[in-house]
Amino acid sequence: MSTFSHESTSLVTGILLKCIQRFEESTVYTETVEHLKETDMTYYQHWKQTAWLSFKMAGGSMYLFIHSLLPFLFANKGHDYVDEVQRVLTKGKKKE
């Protein structure tokens, strides 16, 4: 037997639909749609790229921190990470 009644399921569905409607009417939604249009990406493509960049930059940060303490280690890693991130960020970007 289900722990939720039909009425409570309908109530939750109604609340979720109202939340979605409010989000779509908000400036956050509008700004998100505009940003995705500017970058010519879907939400998933944008998420995938920015998640990858955040992990890549976190890794680069660790290398640079170690390098700051022990300069003979990872001498070129910082430049390599910056170059790779720069390539990803400028890939396909429209020239103005």
Protein backbone atom coordinates (compact mmCIF):
# COMPACT_ATOMS: atom_id res chain seq x y z
CA MET A 1 0.00 0.00 0.00
CA SER A 2 1.24 3.46 -0.89
CA THR A 3 2.13 5.82 1.95
CA PHE A 4 0.89 8.82 -0.05
CA SER A 5 -2.75 9.46 -0.76
CA HIS A 6 -3.98 10.71 -4.11
CA GLU A 7 -4.71 14.09 -2.51
CA SER A 8 -1.19 14.51 -1.13
CA THR A 9 0.33 13.48 -4.48
CA SER A 10 -1.84 16.05 -6.24
CA LEU A 11 -0.83 18.69 -3.71
CA VAL A 12 2.88 17.99 -4.20
CA THR A 13 2.45 18.02 -7.98
CA GLY A 14 0.61 21.35 -7.75
CA ILE A 15 3.35 22.86 -5.59
CA LEU A 16 6.07 21.66 -7.97
CA LEU A 17 4.24 23.06 -11.00
CA LYS A 18 3.82 26.41 -9.21
CA CYS A 19 7.56 26.48 -8.38
CA ILE A 20 8.45 25.76 -12.01
CA GLN A 21 6.08 28.49 -13.18
CA ARG A 22 7.59 31.03 -10.77
CA PHE A 23 11.11 30.06 -11.85
CA GLU A 24 10.22 30.50 -15.52
CA GLU A 25 8.83 33.96 -14.74
CA SER A 26 11.88 35.03 -12.72
CA THR A 27 14.87 37.03 -13.88
CA VAL A 28 17.08 34.06 -12.97
CA TYR A 29 15.37 32.01 -15.66
CA THR A 30 15.57 34.84 -18.18
CA GLU A 31 19.25 35.45 -17.46
CA THR A 32 19.99 31.73 -17.67
CA VAL A 33 18.30 31.44 -21.06
CA GLU A 34 20.13 34.54 -22.33
CA HIS A 35 23.50 33.24 -21.14
CA LEU A 36 22.92 29.87 -22.80
CA LYS A 37 22.00 31.64 -26.04
CA GLU A 38 25.14 33.80 -25.83
CA THR A 39 27.33 30.74 -25.33
CA ASP A 40 25.38 28.75 -27.95
CA MET A 41 25.09 25.81 -25.54
CA THR A 42 22.36 23.68 -24.08
CA TYR A 43 22.01 23.56 -20.31
CA TYR A 44 23.67 20.12 -20.28
CA GLN A 45 26.59 21.24 -22.48
CA HIS A 46 27.12 24.29 -20.26
CA TRP A 47 26.98 22.18 -17.09
CA LYS A 48 29.39 19.61 -18.52
CA GLN A 49 31.94 22.23 -19.56
CA THR A 50 31.78 24.32 -16.40
CA ALA A 51 31.88 21.26 -14.13
CA TRP A 52 34.95 20.02 -16.03
CA LEU A 53 36.57 23.45 -15.77
CA SER A 54 35.93 23.64 -12.03
CA PHE A 55 37.59 20.26 -11.44
CA LYS A 56 40.42 21.14 -13.80
CA MET A 57 41.03 24.44 -12.01
CA ALA A 58 40.88 22.73 -8.59
CA GLY A 59 43.55 20.29 -9.78
CA GLY A 60 45.65 23.14 -11.12
CA SER A 61 45.27 24.96 -7.85
CA MET A 62 46.67 21.98 -5.95
CA TYR A 63 49.67 21.75 -8.28
CA LEU A 64 50.32 25.47 -7.91
CA PHE A 65 50.07 25.33 -4.13
CA ILE A 66 52.61 22.50 -4.01
CA HIS A 67 54.79 24.42 -6.46
CA SER A 68 54.61 27.51 -4.21
CA LEU A 69 56.11 25.47 -1.38
CA LEU A 70 58.54 23.43 -3.48
CA PRO A 71 59.38 25.46 -6.60
CA PHE A 72 61.33 22.62 -8.22
CA LEU A 73 58.12 20.54 -8.47
CA PHE A 74 55.54 21.05 -11.22
CA ALA A 75 57.42 23.97 -12.74
CA ASN A 76 55.26 24.11 -15.89
CA LYS A 77 51.98 22.67 -14.59
CA GLY A 78 50.47 26.08 -13.80
CA HIS A 79 51.06 27.34 -17.33
CA ASP A 80 49.77 24.07 -18.79
CA TYR A 81 46.53 24.30 -16.81
CA VAL A 82 45.98 27.96 -17.66
CA ASP A 83 46.61 27.27 -21.37
CA GLU A 84 44.19 24.34 -21.38
CA VAL A 85 41.45 26.28 -19.60
CA GLN A 86 41.99 29.24 -21.95
CA ARG A 87 41.64 26.96 -24.99
CA VAL A 88 38.35 25.56 -23.70
CA LEU A 89 36.94 28.99 -22.83
CA THR A 90 37.80 30.54 -26.19
CA LYS A 91 36.90 27.51 -28.32
CA GLY A 92 34.13 28.47 -30.68
CA LYS A 93 33.81 31.96 -29.21
CA LYS A 94 32.67 34.58 -31.70
CA LYS A 95 35.24 37.25 -32.49
CA GLU A 96 33.91 40.77 -31.99
